[in-house]
């Protein structure tokens, strides 16, 4: 025979709001349990000498709200075991509105055959809240639990109401999270006991949310819809901007772009990201990464315009790939080494291709790669199957050998052979770079920029002295070069 828990909602405010039927259920039971006694209805019932047991003590024993709710349910079920009749469990508000313990009880009911949970009812405070704040939820409304919400889920362009703002700690968490997206002085409203005689509303700037008011379990926080201009950091806003640029009344240049016409810009922006990283310039890095993101968004919008794909497909593809290729993170949570991760990565990539073997170990290198980077990837792929040097000395010998062959070709004035031999020198140098875990493309870029800085310094010095660059001898120019090296040595390393 199953045992029964009757769940009653105490409403949002005073006892005058409590329906007569629920009042009678509360006063007639000898087995009344409260999630918390900190509620105006309970203060009124005390005068009628009604006995009850409160679970407020569990809040004091636990640090996390999730643990509190689970412990309350366990304690309720334990109490029920020793009862010959049903018990009444009373919660603030309505049992089916932001009441985690009730959801846990209903879950227990679904998983057990000896438990019956009867939700009798209660008054939701949302109607009173909408009236107090004079808002219409049809315009867009979001109701969030302040103790367990995610920043990414907050819909700032809707009416947002946080419940369960019990104390300063919870209010502080809400404040700090919202301040990641909204101005510090954004106006919010604190509402106490909406619809009751104890109702009050206070408007205050967001940064004062955990300072200016006394908080308890009858508090809600209302965040009015935010203007889109305050949300320029959010993904959907960027997506709408790009869609508008490509739309009928958008920018003529953006509207005429294709995947093909944008190819060069993606490469250029990627190199500018590398430059910002080399310069250790965070502000520039933010801007250049934004430019790369813009290219991705434009390609996504072009795909959507022609009906082939959208940026959603791009995000879905990379999200699923990352989850699929990191089973040690998203599945078995096992401890693995970096080498094991890379080996498993290649194995999963092979499975994604249907298990078909590649025609060549060297497949998969983009043909658009710069020559140095292409050589680097070729050698890396060959090295994975054992075609690689084990030590550096033979590599240096190979470089010397290639330089001698290049000299012979130049001496013989064989331009074709000289070109080939020079390529061999570069290829051999790439091998050494790879052995020492240096990316040759980045290394050469750094040298190019170092040369630019020194040459620019020379030009400025020569100009300051009123001389003409072209009229100076190589010996004189070398003097300025050495001066530039000395001056810039600290930054160049």
Protein backbone atom coordinates (compact mmCIF):
# COMPACT_ATOMS: atom_id res chain seq x y z
CA UNK A 1 0.00 0.00 0.00
CA UNK A 2 1.44 3.34 -1.03
CA UNK A 3 1.85 6.24 1.36
CA UNK A 4 0.84 9.76 0.44
CA UNK A 5 2.33 13.23 0.66
CA UNK A 6 -0.09 16.12 0.12
CA UNK A 7 1.70 19.22 -1.14
CA UNK A 8 0.24 22.66 -0.45
CA UNK A 9 1.39 26.06 -1.61
CA UNK A 10 1.26 28.87 0.94
CA UNK A 11 1.03 31.61 -1.65
CA UNK A 12 3.22 34.66 -1.94
CA UNK A 13 2.04 36.77 0.98
CA UNK A 14 -0.34 36.88 3.91
CA UNK A 15 -3.03 34.47 5.03
CA UNK A 16 -5.81 36.51 3.41
CA UNK A 17 -4.57 35.29 0.03
CA UNK A 18 -4.78 31.62 1.05
CA UNK A 19 -7.83 29.73 -0.38
CA UNK A 20 -10.20 28.40 2.28
CA UNK A 21 -9.75 24.78 1.16
CA UNK A 22 -6.00 24.93 1.62
CA UNK A 23 -6.40 26.62 4.98
CA UNK A 24 -8.59 23.75 6.17
CA UNK A 25 -6.02 21.19 5.00
CA UNK A 26 -3.35 22.95 7.02
CA UNK A 27 -5.31 23.22 10.26
CA UNK A 28 -6.74 19.71 10.28
CA UNK A 29 -3.50 17.75 9.79
CA UNK A 30 -1.37 16.49 12.61
CA UNK A 31 1.54 15.87 10.27
CA UNK A 32 2.52 19.25 8.83
CA UNK A 33 6.01 19.75 7.44
CA UNK A 34 7.35 23.06 6.12
CA UNK A 35 10.20 23.72 3.75
CA UNK A 36 10.60 26.93 5.71
CA UNK A 37 8.63 28.62 8.45
CA UNK A 38 9.83 32.04 7.28
CA UNK A 39 6.55 32.93 5.61
CA UNK A 40 3.71 35.32 6.62
CA UNK A 41 1.05 32.55 6.50
CA UNK A 42 2.97 30.50 9.06
CA UNK A 43 3.27 33.50 11.34
CA UNK A 44 -0.55 33.74 11.30
CA UNK A 45 -1.06 30.00 11.82
CA UNK A 46 1.17 30.06 14.90
CA UNK A 47 -1.52 32.09 16.63
CA UNK A 48 -3.90 29.16 16.13
CA UNK A 49 -1.50 26.83 17.91
CA UNK A 50 -0.91 24.61 14.88
CA UNK A 51 2.01 22.23 15.30
CA UNK A 52 4.51 21.64 12.51
CA UNK A 53 8.07 20.65 11.74
CA UNK A 54 10.27 23.01 9.71
CA UNK A 55 13.31 22.12 7.62
CA UNK A 56 15.02 25.46 8.12
CA UNK A 57 17.75 23.72 10.07
CA UNK A 58 18.87 21.91 6.89
CA UNK A 59 19.66 25.25 5.25
CA UNK A 60 22.12 25.94 8.05
CA UNK A 61 23.82 22.56 7.61
CA UNK A 62 24.39 22.73 3.84
CA UNK A 63 26.36 25.13 1.64
CA UNK A 64 24.66 24.31 -1.67
CA UNK A 65 20.93 24.76 -2.33
CA UNK A 66 20.86 21.56 -4.39
CA UNK A 67 22.08 19.63 -1.35
CA UNK A 68 19.46 21.33 0.83
CA UNK A 69 16.58 20.31 -1.44
CA UNK A 70 17.75 16.73 -1.73
CA UNK A 71 18.18 16.45 2.04
CA UNK A 72 14.68 17.85 2.67
CA UNK A 73 13.16 15.23 0.37
CA UNK A 74 15.14 12.43 2.04
CA UNK A 75 13.98 13.62 5.44
CA UNK A 76 10.35 13.84 4.27
CA UNK A 77 10.45 10.27 2.97
CA UNK A 78 12.05 9.11 6.21
CA UNK A 79 9.28 10.79 8.24
CA UNK A 80 6.64 9.22 6.00
CA UNK A 81 7.94 5.71 6.74
CA UNK A 82 6.92 6.09 10.39
CA UNK A 83 3.45 7.50 9.71
CA UNK A 84 0.25 5.51 9.42
CA UNK A 85 -1.48 8.30 7.52
CA UNK A 86 -0.63 10.88 4.88
CA UNK A 87 1.47 13.91 5.67
CA UNK A 88 1.18 17.50 4.47
CA UNK A 89 4.18 19.29 3.01
CA UNK A 90 3.78 23.07 2.66
CA UNK A 91 5.98 25.27 0.49
CA UNK A 92 6.01 29.00 -0.30
CA UNK A 93 4.11 30.16 -3.39
CA UNK A 94 2.69 27.51 -5.71
CA UNK A 95 4.05 23.94 -5.51
CA UNK A 96 4.64 23.79 -9.27
CA UNK A 97 6.39 27.14 -9.57
CA UNK A 98 10.15 27.22 -8.91
CA UNK A 99 9.86 24.56 -6.21
CA UNK A 100 12.71 22.07 -6.60
CA UNK A 101 11.72 19.88 -3.66
CA UNK A 102 8.33 19.17 -5.24
CA UNK A 103 9.98 18.17 -8.50
CA UNK A 104 12.26 15.81 -6.60
CA UNK A 105 9.24 14.29 -4.83
CA UNK A 106 7.43 13.77 -8.13
CA UNK A 107 10.54 12.08 -9.50
CA UNK A 108 10.55 9.74 -6.50
CA UNK A 109 6.88 8.96 -7.16
CA UNK A 110 7.62 7.99 -10.78
CA UNK A 111 10.42 5.67 -9.70
CA UNK A 112 8.61 3.99 -6.80
CA UNK A 113 5.40 2.00 -6.42
CA UNK A 114 4.84 2.78 -2.74
CA UNK A 115 4.63 6.56 -2.92
CA UNK A 116 1.85 8.92 -3.95
CA UNK A 117 2.43 12.68 -4.24
CA UNK A 118 -0.74 14.76 -4.40
CA UNK A 119 -0.26 18.39 -5.35
CA UNK A 120 -3.34 20.09 -3.90
CA UNK A 121 -2.59 23.60 -5.08
CA UNK A 122 -1.62 27.08 -4.04
CA UNK A 123 -1.62 30.61 -5.33
CA UNK A 124 1.12 31.66 -7.71
CA UNK A 125 2.46 35.12 -7.08
CA UNK A 126 3.18 35.73 -10.76
CA UNK A 127 -0.22 37.33 -11.44
CA UNK A 128 0.31 39.75 -8.57
CA UNK A 129 3.88 40.35 -9.70
CA UNK A 130 2.81 41.23 -13.25
CA UNK A 131 0.20 43.60 -11.82
CA UNK A 132 2.65 45.23 -9.42
CA UNK A 133 5.29 45.72 -12.11
CA UNK A 134 2.70 46.56 -14.80
CA UNK A 135 4.24 44.22 -17.36
CA UNK A 136 2.61 41.96 -19.94
CA UNK A 137 4.40 38.57 -20.28
CA UNK A 138 3.18 38.26 -23.88
CA UNK A 139 5.98 40.71 -24.73
CA UNK A 140 8.47 38.03 -23.72
CA UNK A 141 9.00 36.74 -20.20
CA UNK A 142 11.62 34.63 -18.47
CA UNK A 143 11.38 33.24 -14.92
CA UNK A 144 14.69 32.13 -13.38
CA UNK A 145 15.80 30.54 -10.13
CA UNK A 146 18.45 32.86 -8.68
CA UNK A 147 20.17 29.93 -6.97
CA UNK A 148 20.78 27.92 -10.14
CA UNK A 149 20.79 29.84 -13.40
CA UNK A 150 23.29 30.10 -16.23
CA UNK A 151 24.44 33.42 -17.64
CA UNK A 152 24.10 32.13 -21.20
CA UNK A 153 20.41 31.38 -20.64
CA UNK A 154 19.36 34.91 -19.64
CA UNK A 155 17.18 36.48 -22.35
CA UNK A 156 17.92 40.13 -21.79
CA UNK A 157 15.49 41.43 -24.39
CA UNK A 158 12.58 39.88 -22.44
CA UNK A 159 11.10 40.70 -19.03
CA UNK A 160 13.31 38.70 -16.63
CA UNK A 161 12.27 37.83 -13.08
CA UNK A 162 14.53 36.08 -10.57
CA UNK A 163 12.92 34.19 -7.70
CA UNK A 164 14.61 32.57 -4.69
CA UNK A 165 16.69 35.67 -3.94
CA UNK A 166 16.99 34.56 -0.33
CA UNK A 167 19.95 36.55 0.93
CA UNK A 168 22.90 38.82 0.14
CA UNK A 169 24.99 35.93 -1.17
CA UNK A 170 22.40 34.93 -3.77
CA UNK A 171 21.76 38.57 -4.67
CA UNK A 172 25.50 39.09 -5.13
CA UNK A 173 25.73 36.13 -7.51
CA UNK A 174 22.84 37.52 -9.56
CA UNK A 175 24.40 40.99 -9.59
CA UNK A 176 27.87 39.85 -10.65
CA UNK A 177 26.50 37.61 -13.38
CA UNK A 178 24.23 40.31 -14.83
CA UNK A 179 27.04 42.87 -14.70
CA UNK A 180 28.93 40.68 -17.20
CA UNK A 181 26.29 41.75 -19.75
CA UNK A 182 24.59 44.89 -18.47
CA UNK A 183 25.92 48.29 -17.32
CA UNK A 184 26.72 48.49 -13.61
CA UNK A 185 24.05 51.19 -13.14
CA UNK A 186 21.31 49.33 -15.05
CA UNK A 187 18.03 49.83 -13.17
CA UNK A 188 16.39 46.75 -11.64
CA UNK A 189 13.44 46.34 -9.28
CA UNK A 190 13.33 44.45 -5.98
CA UNK A 191 9.81 43.22 -5.14
CA UNK A 192 8.77 41.92 -1.73
CA UNK A 193 5.62 39.80 -1.15
CA UNK A 194 3.78 40.87 -4.30
CA UNK A 195 0.02 41.23 -3.80
CA UNK A 196 0.10 41.05 0.00
CA UNK A 197 -0.17 43.69 2.70
CA UNK A 198 3.61 43.47 3.06
CA UNK A 199 4.27 44.31 -0.60
CA UNK A 200 6.90 46.88 -1.47
CA UNK A 201 8.95 47.66 -4.56
CA UNK A 202 12.31 49.38 -4.73
CA UNK A 203 14.12 50.55 -7.87
CA UNK A 204 17.89 50.61 -7.65
CA UNK A 205 21.02 50.37 -9.85
CA UNK A 206 22.27 46.86 -10.45
CA UNK A 207 25.52 47.36 -8.54
CA UNK A 208 23.55 48.02 -5.33
CA UNK A 209 21.40 44.87 -5.57
CA UNK A 210 23.11 43.11 -2.66
CA UNK A 211 23.59 46.26 -0.54
CA UNK A 212 20.50 48.39 -0.25
CA UNK A 213 17.64 46.08 0.78
CA UNK A 214 16.91 43.42 3.35
CA UNK A 215 16.52 40.12 1.53
CA UNK A 216 14.39 37.07 2.38
CA UNK A 217 12.50 34.26 0.67
CA UNK A 218 9.66 36.60 -0.42
CA UNK A 219 12.00 38.67 -2.60
CA UNK A 220 12.00 38.71 -6.41
CA UNK A 221 14.21 40.76 -8.69
CA UNK A 222 12.83 42.17 -11.94
CA UNK A 223 15.20 43.05 -14.81
CA UNK A 224 13.48 45.15 -17.51
CA UNK A 225 14.19 44.33 -21.18
CA UNK A 226 17.57 45.64 -22.29
CA UNK A 227 18.08 47.80 -25.36
CA UNK A 228 20.02 46.03 -28.09
CA UNK A 229 22.73 48.72 -27.87
CA UNK A 230 23.65 47.36 -24.43
CA UNK A 231 24.09 43.86 -25.83
CA UNK A 232 26.65 44.32 -28.59
CA UNK A 233 28.78 41.56 -27.06
CA UNK A 234 26.12 38.89 -27.57
CA UNK A 235 26.23 36.40 -30.42
CA UNK A 236 22.66 36.89 -31.67
CA UNK A 237 23.19 40.65 -31.92
CA UNK A 238 26.25 40.13 -34.13
CA UNK A 239 24.30 37.62 -36.19
CA UNK A 240 21.51 40.14 -36.77
CA UNK A 241 24.03 42.84 -37.72
CA UNK A 242 25.61 40.60 -40.35
CA UNK A 243 22.17 39.57 -41.65
CA UNK A 244 21.22 43.22 -41.97
CA UNK A 245 24.46 44.03 -43.83
CA UNK A 246 23.60 41.27 -46.31
CA UNK A 247 19.89 42.17 -46.41
CA UNK A 248 17.92 44.08 -49.08
CA UNK A 249 18.67 47.47 -47.50
CA UNK A 250 22.16 46.52 -46.35
CA UNK A 251 25.65 47.38 -47.55
CA UNK A 252 26.23 47.06 -51.34
CA UNK A 253 29.74 45.68 -50.77
CA UNK A 254 28.65 43.04 -48.25
CA UNK A 255 25.69 42.00 -50.41
CA UNK A 256 27.87 41.21 -53.43
CA UNK A 257 30.39 39.05 -51.55
CA UNK A 258 30.68 35.32 -52.15
CA UNK A 259 32.63 32.51 -50.51
CA UNK A 260 35.22 32.88 -53.25
CA UNK A 261 35.57 36.67 -53.01
CA UNK A 262 36.13 36.51 -49.24
CA UNK A 263 38.92 33.91 -49.35
CA UNK A 264 41.80 36.40 -49.24
CA UNK A 265 40.33 38.30 -46.29
CA UNK A 266 40.17 35.24 -44.07
CA UNK A 267 43.87 34.56 -44.72
CA UNK A 268 44.80 38.20 -44.10
CA UNK A 269 42.82 38.38 -40.86
CA UNK A 270 44.39 35.15 -39.59
CA UNK A 271 47.88 36.58 -40.14
CA UNK A 272 46.89 39.78 -38.34
CA UNK A 273 45.84 37.64 -35.36
CA UNK A 274 49.30 36.06 -35.36
CA UNK A 275 50.86 39.53 -35.51
CA UNK A 276 48.85 40.70 -32.50
CA UNK A 277 49.94 37.60 -30.57
CA UNK A 278 53.59 38.22 -31.47
CA UNK A 279 53.25 41.84 -30.32
CA UNK A 280 51.59 40.67 -27.07
CA UNK A 281 48.96 43.32 -27.80
CA UNK A 282 45.71 42.21 -26.14
CA UNK A 283 43.64 45.09 -27.53
CA UNK A 284 44.79 44.34 -31.07
CA UNK A 285 44.19 40.62 -30.50
CA UNK A 286 40.59 41.32 -29.48
CA UNK A 287 40.05 43.35 -32.64
CA UNK A 288 41.74 40.88 -34.98
CA UNK A 289 39.94 37.85 -33.52
CA UNK A 290 36.73 39.81 -34.04
CA UNK A 291 37.68 40.27 -37.69
CA UNK A 292 38.21 36.51 -38.04
CA UNK A 293 34.83 35.90 -36.39
CA UNK A 294 33.25 38.36 -38.81
CA UNK A 295 34.57 36.32 -41.73
CA UNK A 296 33.00 33.18 -40.24
CA UNK A 297 29.71 35.01 -39.75
CA UNK A 298 29.74 36.33 -43.33
CA UNK A 299 30.32 32.85 -44.74
CA UNK A 300 27.53 31.53 -42.52
CA UNK A 301 25.15 34.26 -43.72
CA UNK A 302 26.06 33.66 -47.37
CA UNK A 303 25.32 29.98 -46.87
CA UNK A 304 21.96 30.86 -45.31
CA UNK A 305 21.12 33.33 -48.09
CA UNK A 306 21.55 30.66 -50.77
CA UNK A 307 19.86 27.99 -48.65
CA UNK A 308 22.80 25.59 -48.23
CA UNK A 309 23.75 26.05 -44.57
CA UNK A 310 23.82 28.64 -41.78
CA UNK A 311 26.09 29.61 -38.91
CA UNK A 312 24.02 27.20 -36.78
CA UNK A 313 25.33 24.34 -38.90
CA UNK A 314 28.89 25.63 -38.48
CA UNK A 315 28.52 25.75 -34.69
CA UNK A 316 26.77 22.38 -34.56
CA UNK A 317 29.50 20.78 -36.65
CA UNK A 318 32.41 21.99 -34.53
CA UNK A 319 30.57 21.33 -31.23
CA UNK A 320 29.79 17.73 -32.17
CA UNK A 321 33.32 17.24 -33.49
CA UNK A 322 34.90 18.48 -30.25
CA UNK A 323 32.68 16.24 -28.13
CA UNK A 324 33.26 13.28 -30.43
CA UNK A 325 37.03 13.71 -30.50
CA UNK A 326 37.39 14.19 -26.73
CA UNK A 327 35.82 11.03 -25.26
CA UNK A 328 38.29 11.28 -22.33
CA UNK A 329 36.53 14.53 -21.36
CA UNK A 330 32.88 13.99 -22.30
CA UNK A 331 32.51 10.22 -21.78
CA UNK A 332 34.82 8.09 -19.63
CA UNK A 333 36.63 10.96 -17.83
CA UNK A 334 39.83 8.92 -17.85
CA UNK A 335 43.30 10.31 -17.29
CA UNK A 336 45.27 10.26 -20.54
CA UNK A 337 48.54 11.72 -21.75
CA UNK A 338 48.88 14.25 -24.55
CA UNK A 339 50.37 11.58 -26.83
CA UNK A 340 47.42 9.28 -26.16
CA UNK A 341 45.01 12.15 -26.90
CA UNK A 342 46.68 12.82 -30.27
CA UNK A 343 46.72 9.13 -31.20
CA UNK A 344 43.04 8.78 -30.33
CA UNK A 345 42.28 11.98 -32.25
CA UNK A 346 43.73 10.48 -35.44
CA UNK A 347 41.88 7.21 -34.84
CA UNK A 348 38.56 9.02 -34.45
CA UNK A 349 39.24 11.09 -37.57
CA UNK A 350 39.73 7.83 -39.49
CA UNK A 351 36.44 6.48 -38.13
CA UNK A 352 34.67 9.68 -39.21
CA UNK A 353 35.75 8.95 -42.76
CA UNK A 354 33.96 5.61 -42.60
CA UNK A 355 37.07 3.64 -41.79
CA UNK A 356 38.34 3.97 -45.34
CA UNK A 357 42.10 4.11 -45.63
CA UNK A 358 43.58 7.20 -47.22
CA UNK A 359 45.22 6.84 -50.60
CA UNK A 360 48.30 8.46 -49.09
CA UNK A 361 49.59 9.26 -45.61
CA UNK A 362 50.10 12.82 -46.88
CA UNK A 363 46.45 13.50 -47.64
CA UNK A 364 44.55 16.31 -45.96
CA UNK A 365 47.00 19.23 -46.17
CA UNK A 366 45.26 22.34 -47.59
CA UNK A 367 46.79 23.30 -50.92
CA UNK A 368 46.40 26.98 -50.02
CA UNK A 369 49.00 26.73 -47.23
CA UNK A 370 52.12 28.90 -47.62
CA UNK A 371 55.08 26.85 -48.86
CA UNK A 372 56.94 26.76 -45.53
CA UNK A 373 53.84 25.65 -43.63
CA UNK A 374 53.00 23.10 -46.33
CA UNK A 375 56.50 21.62 -46.00
CA UNK A 376 56.10 21.54 -42.22
CA UNK A 377 52.82 19.60 -42.46
CA UNK A 378 54.23 17.22 -45.09
CA UNK A 379 57.15 16.31 -42.86
CA UNK A 380 54.93 15.99 -39.79
CA UNK A 381 52.63 13.51 -41.56
CA UNK A 382 55.59 11.52 -42.87
CA UNK A 383 57.11 11.52 -39.39
CA UNK A 384 53.98 9.96 -37.90
CA UNK A 385 54.61 6.77 -39.89
CA UNK A 386 58.31 6.60 -39.04
CA UNK A 387 59.88 8.46 -41.95
CA UNK A 388 61.84 10.88 -39.79
CA UNK A 389 65.24 11.63 -38.28
CA UNK A 390 65.82 10.53 -34.70
CA UNK A 391 68.60 13.04 -34.05
CA UNK A 392 69.43 16.59 -35.11
CA UNK A 393 73.03 16.05 -36.32
CA UNK A 394 72.10 14.32 -39.63
CA UNK A 395 69.64 17.15 -40.28
CA UNK A 396 72.36 19.79 -39.98
CA UNK A 397 74.58 17.67 -42.26
CA UNK A 398 71.73 17.60 -44.77
CA UNK A 399 71.49 21.42 -44.68
CA UNK A 400 75.26 21.71 -45.37
CA UNK A 401 74.92 19.23 -48.22
CA UNK A 402 72.03 21.16 -49.79
CA UNK A 403 73.90 24.48 -49.49
CA UNK A 404 76.89 23.00 -51.36
CA UNK A 405 74.60 21.69 -54.10
CA UNK A 406 73.01 25.12 -54.38
CA UNK A 407 76.45 26.73 -54.71
CA UNK A 408 77.37 24.30 -57.49
CA UNK A 409 74.15 25.11 -59.38
CA UNK A 410 74.82 28.85 -59.05
CA UNK A 411 78.45 28.40 -60.16
CA UNK A 412 77.24 26.46 -63.20
CA UNK A 413 74.68 29.22 -63.84
CA UNK A 414 71.93 26.62 -63.97
CA UNK A 415 68.92 28.67 -62.85
CA UNK A 416 66.53 25.71 -62.86
CA UNK A 417 68.80 23.56 -60.69
CA UNK A 418 69.59 26.51 -58.43
CA UNK A 419 65.87 26.99 -57.79
CA UNK A 420 65.42 23.34 -56.92
CA UNK A 421 68.46 23.25 -54.65
CA UNK A 422 67.37 26.42 -52.84
CA UNK A 423 64.01 24.74 -52.23
CA UNK A 424 65.88 21.76 -50.80
CA UNK A 425 67.68 24.08 -48.36
CA UNK A 426 64.36 25.48 -47.15
CA UNK A 427 62.92 21.98 -46.85
CA UNK A 428 65.91 20.80 -44.81
CA UNK A 429 65.66 23.86 -42.55
CA UNK A 430 61.98 23.11 -41.97
CA UNK A 431 62.98 19.62 -40.81
CA UNK A 432 65.31 21.10 -38.19
CA UNK A 433 62.61 23.56 -37.10
CA UNK A 434 60.13 20.75 -36.66
CA UNK A 435 62.63 18.70 -34.66
CA UNK A 436 62.97 21.59 -32.21
CA UNK A 437 59.19 22.17 -32.21
CA UNK A 438 59.45 25.53 -33.98
CA UNK A 439 56.87 26.56 -36.56
CA UNK A 440 59.00 27.82 -39.51
CA UNK A 441 56.23 30.06 -40.86
CA UNK A 442 55.93 31.93 -37.56
CA UNK A 443 59.72 32.02 -37.14
CA UNK A 444 60.22 33.63 -40.54
CA UNK A 445 57.39 36.08 -39.92
CA UNK A 446 59.12 37.19 -36.73
CA UNK A 447 62.38 37.70 -38.59
CA UNK A 448 60.59 39.66 -41.33
CA UNK A 449 59.08 41.98 -38.77
CA UNK A 450 62.38 42.35 -36.94
CA UNK A 451 63.98 43.39 -40.23
CA UNK A 452 61.17 45.90 -40.82
CA UNK A 453 61.65 47.48 -37.39
CA UNK A 454 65.41 47.81 -37.83
CA UNK A 455 65.13 49.13 -41.37
CA UNK A 456 62.51 51.67 -40.30
CA UNK A 457 64.81 52.80 -37.50
CA UNK A 458 67.62 53.27 -40.05
CA UNK A 459 65.35 55.34 -42.29
CA UNK A 460 64.30 57.59 -39.42
CA UNK A 461 67.88 58.14 -38.25
CA UNK A 462 69.12 58.93 -41.75
CA UNK A 463 66.22 61.32 -42.31
CA UNK A 464 66.84 63.08 -38.98
CA UNK A 465 70.45 63.71 -40.05
CA UNK A 466 69.27 65.25 -43.33
CA UNK A 467 70.84 62.53 -45.48
CA UNK A 468 69.50 60.59 -48.45
CA UNK A 469 69.29 56.83 -48.08
CA UNK A 470 70.16 56.07 -51.71
CA UNK A 471 73.35 58.16 -51.63
CA UNK A 472 74.92 56.32 -48.69
CA UNK A 473 77.44 53.55 -49.22
CA UNK A 474 76.86 50.02 -47.98
CA UNK A 475 79.50 50.56 -45.30
CA UNK A 476 77.65 53.67 -44.07
CA UNK A 477 74.32 51.87 -44.18
CA UNK A 478 75.76 48.99 -42.17
CA UNK A 479 76.77 51.51 -39.48
CA UNK A 480 73.13 52.61 -39.18
CA UNK A 481 72.05 48.96 -39.23
CA UNK A 482 74.30 48.14 -36.28
CA UNK A 483 72.96 51.19 -34.47
CA UNK A 484 69.40 49.95 -35.08
CA UNK A 485 70.30 46.49 -33.81
CA UNK A 486 71.74 47.92 -30.63
CA UNK A 487 68.78 50.21 -30.01
CA UNK A 488 66.17 47.51 -30.65
CA UNK A 489 68.08 44.61 -29.10
CA UNK A 490 66.00 44.62 -25.95
CA UNK A 491 62.67 44.28 -27.77
CA UNK A 492 64.01 41.87 -30.41
CA UNK A 493 65.67 39.58 -27.91
